[in-house]
């Protein structure tokens, strides 16, 4: 598919392709490549929850 004047670098025309690594767009004029499959290389892990103990009671 051809995307007219959609290159962010030079304002040129881009076409969409697919290879073994996924989908991408490439500019016909300057050669800029934009990956379309944005998957993180390493899975994002949520931080572990902090341990909650019993509330401290002040003794007078």
N, C-alpha and C. Protein backbone atom coordinates (compact mmCIF):
# COMPACT_ATOMS: atom_id res chain seq x y z
N UNK A 1 0.85 -1.17 0.00
CA UNK A 1 0.00 0.00 0.00
C UNK A 1 0.90 1.23 0.00
N UNK A 2 0.50 2.27 -0.67
CA UNK A 2 1.28 3.49 -0.81
C UNK A 2 0.65 4.61 0.02
N UNK A 3 1.47 5.28 0.82
CA UNK A 3 1.03 6.40 1.65
C UNK A 3 1.72 7.66 1.14
N UNK A 4 0.95 8.54 0.51
CA UNK A 4 1.51 9.73 -0.10
C UNK A 4 1.86 10.79 0.94
N UNK A 5 3.04 11.37 0.82
CA UNK A 5 3.54 12.47 1.65
C UNK A 5 3.39 12.18 3.14
N UNK A 6 3.73 10.96 3.57
CA UNK A 6 3.55 10.61 4.98
C UNK A 6 4.87 10.40 5.72
N UNK A 7 6.02 10.61 5.08
CA UNK A 7 7.31 10.43 5.75
C UNK A 7 7.54 11.60 6.71
N UNK A 8 7.88 11.27 7.95
CA UNK A 8 8.10 12.31 8.96
C UNK A 8 9.45 12.99 8.80
N UNK A 9 10.36 12.36 8.06
CA UNK A 9 11.69 12.93 7.88
C UNK A 9 11.75 13.89 6.70
N UNK A 10 11.25 13.46 5.54
CA UNK A 10 11.39 14.28 4.33
C UNK A 10 10.07 14.67 3.69
N UNK A 11 8.95 14.11 4.19
CA UNK A 11 7.65 14.41 3.59
C UNK A 11 7.38 13.63 2.31
N UNK A 12 8.17 12.58 2.09
CA UNK A 12 8.02 11.77 0.88
C UNK A 12 6.94 10.71 1.00
N UNK A 13 6.85 9.89 -0.02
CA UNK A 13 5.85 8.82 -0.10
C UNK A 13 6.40 7.54 0.54
N UNK A 14 5.54 6.83 1.26
CA UNK A 14 5.95 5.60 1.93
C UNK A 14 5.11 4.44 1.44
N UNK A 15 5.70 3.25 1.45
CA UNK A 15 4.97 2.05 1.11
C UNK A 15 5.07 1.06 2.26
N UNK A 16 4.06 0.22 2.40
CA UNK A 16 3.99 -0.74 3.49
C UNK A 16 4.39 -2.12 3.00
N UNK A 17 5.24 -2.79 3.78
CA UNK A 17 5.74 -4.12 3.43
C UNK A 17 5.68 -5.01 4.66
N UNK A 18 5.98 -6.29 4.46
CA UNK A 18 6.03 -7.27 5.54
C UNK A 18 7.20 -8.20 5.25
N UNK A 19 7.99 -8.49 6.32
CA UNK A 19 9.06 -9.48 6.19
C UNK A 19 9.00 -10.42 7.38
N UNK A 20 10.05 -11.19 7.60
CA UNK A 20 10.02 -12.17 8.69
C UNK A 20 9.96 -11.51 10.07
N UNK A 21 10.32 -10.24 10.17
CA UNK A 21 10.31 -9.54 11.46
C UNK A 21 9.01 -8.81 11.71
N UNK A 22 8.15 -8.65 10.72
CA UNK A 22 6.86 -7.99 10.91
C UNK A 22 6.58 -6.95 9.83
N UNK A 23 5.59 -6.12 10.08
CA UNK A 23 5.17 -5.09 9.14
C UNK A 23 6.00 -3.82 9.35
N UNK A 24 6.23 -3.09 8.25
CA UNK A 24 6.96 -1.83 8.33
C UNK A 24 6.57 -0.94 7.15
N UNK A 25 6.88 0.35 7.28
CA UNK A 25 6.72 1.29 6.18
C UNK A 25 8.10 1.84 5.85
N UNK A 26 8.34 2.04 4.55
CA UNK A 26 9.62 2.58 4.11
C UNK A 26 9.39 3.72 3.13
N UNK A 27 10.18 4.78 3.28
CA UNK A 27 10.06 5.95 2.41
C UNK A 27 10.76 5.67 1.08
N UNK A 28 10.11 6.04 -0.02
CA UNK A 28 10.69 5.85 -1.34
C UNK A 28 11.81 6.85 -1.62
N UNK A 29 11.74 8.05 -1.01
CA UNK A 29 12.71 9.09 -1.30
C UNK A 29 13.96 9.00 -0.41
N UNK A 30 13.79 8.91 0.91
CA UNK A 30 14.96 8.97 1.82
C UNK A 30 15.31 7.62 2.44
N UNK A 31 14.42 6.63 2.36
CA UNK A 31 14.72 5.30 2.89
C UNK A 31 14.40 5.11 4.36
N UNK A 32 13.75 6.07 5.00
CA UNK A 32 13.36 5.93 6.41
C UNK A 32 12.48 4.71 6.59
N UNK A 33 12.75 3.92 7.64
CA UNK A 33 11.97 2.72 7.93
C UNK A 33 11.26 2.90 9.26
N UNK A 34 9.96 2.65 9.30
CA UNK A 34 9.16 2.71 10.53
C UNK A 34 8.57 1.34 10.77
N UNK A 35 8.87 0.76 11.95
CA UNK A 35 8.27 -0.52 12.33
C UNK A 35 6.83 -0.28 12.74
N UNK A 36 5.93 -1.16 12.31
CA UNK A 36 4.52 -1.05 12.66
C UNK A 36 4.12 -2.01 13.77
N UNK A 37 4.87 -3.10 13.97
CA UNK A 37 4.60 -4.05 15.04
C UNK A 37 5.40 -3.62 16.26
N UNK A 38 4.74 -2.98 17.20
CA UNK A 38 5.43 -2.46 18.38
C UNK A 38 5.23 -3.40 19.56
N UNK A 39 6.01 -4.48 19.60
CA UNK A 39 5.96 -5.42 20.71
C UNK A 39 7.26 -5.29 21.50
N UNK A 40 7.18 -5.23 22.81
CA UNK A 40 8.43 -5.12 23.58
C UNK A 40 9.27 -6.38 23.45
N UNK A 41 10.59 -6.22 23.38
CA UNK A 41 11.49 -7.35 23.26
C UNK A 41 11.49 -8.19 24.54
N UNK A 42 11.35 -7.52 25.69
CA UNK A 42 11.32 -8.20 26.97
C UNK A 42 9.96 -7.94 27.60
N UNK A 43 9.29 -8.96 28.10
CA UNK A 43 7.98 -8.73 28.73
C UNK A 43 8.11 -7.78 29.92
N UNK A 44 7.18 -6.88 30.03
CA UNK A 44 7.19 -5.91 31.12
C UNK A 44 6.57 -6.56 32.35
N UNK A 45 7.29 -6.48 33.48
CA UNK A 45 6.79 -7.07 34.71
C UNK A 45 6.32 -5.97 35.65
N UNK A 46 5.23 -6.22 36.33
CA UNK A 46 4.73 -5.27 37.30
C UNK A 46 5.58 -5.35 38.57
N UNK A 47 5.80 -4.22 39.25
CA UNK A 47 6.58 -4.28 40.48
C UNK A 47 5.82 -5.07 41.55
N UNK A 48 6.59 -5.77 42.39
CA UNK A 48 5.98 -6.57 43.44
C UNK A 48 5.32 -5.67 44.48
N UNK A 49 4.21 -6.12 45.01
CA UNK A 49 3.49 -5.35 46.03
C UNK A 49 4.31 -5.36 47.33
N UNK A 50 4.30 -4.24 48.04
CA UNK A 50 5.03 -4.15 49.30
C UNK A 50 4.28 -4.95 50.38
N UNK A 51 5.06 -5.57 51.25
CA UNK A 51 4.45 -6.34 52.36
C UNK A 51 3.82 -5.38 53.35
N UNK A 52 2.60 -5.68 53.72
CA UNK A 52 1.87 -4.84 54.66
C UNK A 52 1.77 -5.60 55.97
N UNK A 53 2.33 -5.04 57.02
CA UNK A 53 2.29 -5.70 58.33
C UNK A 53 1.14 -5.14 59.17
N UNK A 54 1.07 -5.62 60.38
CA UNK A 54 0.04 -5.14 61.32
C UNK A 54 0.37 -3.69 61.69
N UNK A 55 -0.65 -2.87 61.92
CA UNK A 55 -0.39 -1.48 62.30
C UNK A 55 0.28 -1.40 63.68
N UNK A 56 1.19 -0.46 63.78
CA UNK A 56 1.90 -0.29 65.05
C UNK A 56 1.02 0.53 65.99
N UNK A 57 0.97 0.08 67.24
CA UNK A 57 0.15 0.75 68.25
C UNK A 57 1.10 1.37 69.26
N UNK A 58 0.94 2.67 69.51
CA UNK A 58 1.78 3.35 70.48
C UNK A 58 1.32 2.99 71.91
N UNK A 59 2.28 2.62 72.74
CA UNK A 59 1.98 2.26 74.13
C UNK A 59 2.44 3.39 75.01
N UNK A 60 1.54 3.91 75.83
CA UNK A 60 1.90 5.04 76.69
C UNK A 60 2.09 4.61 78.13
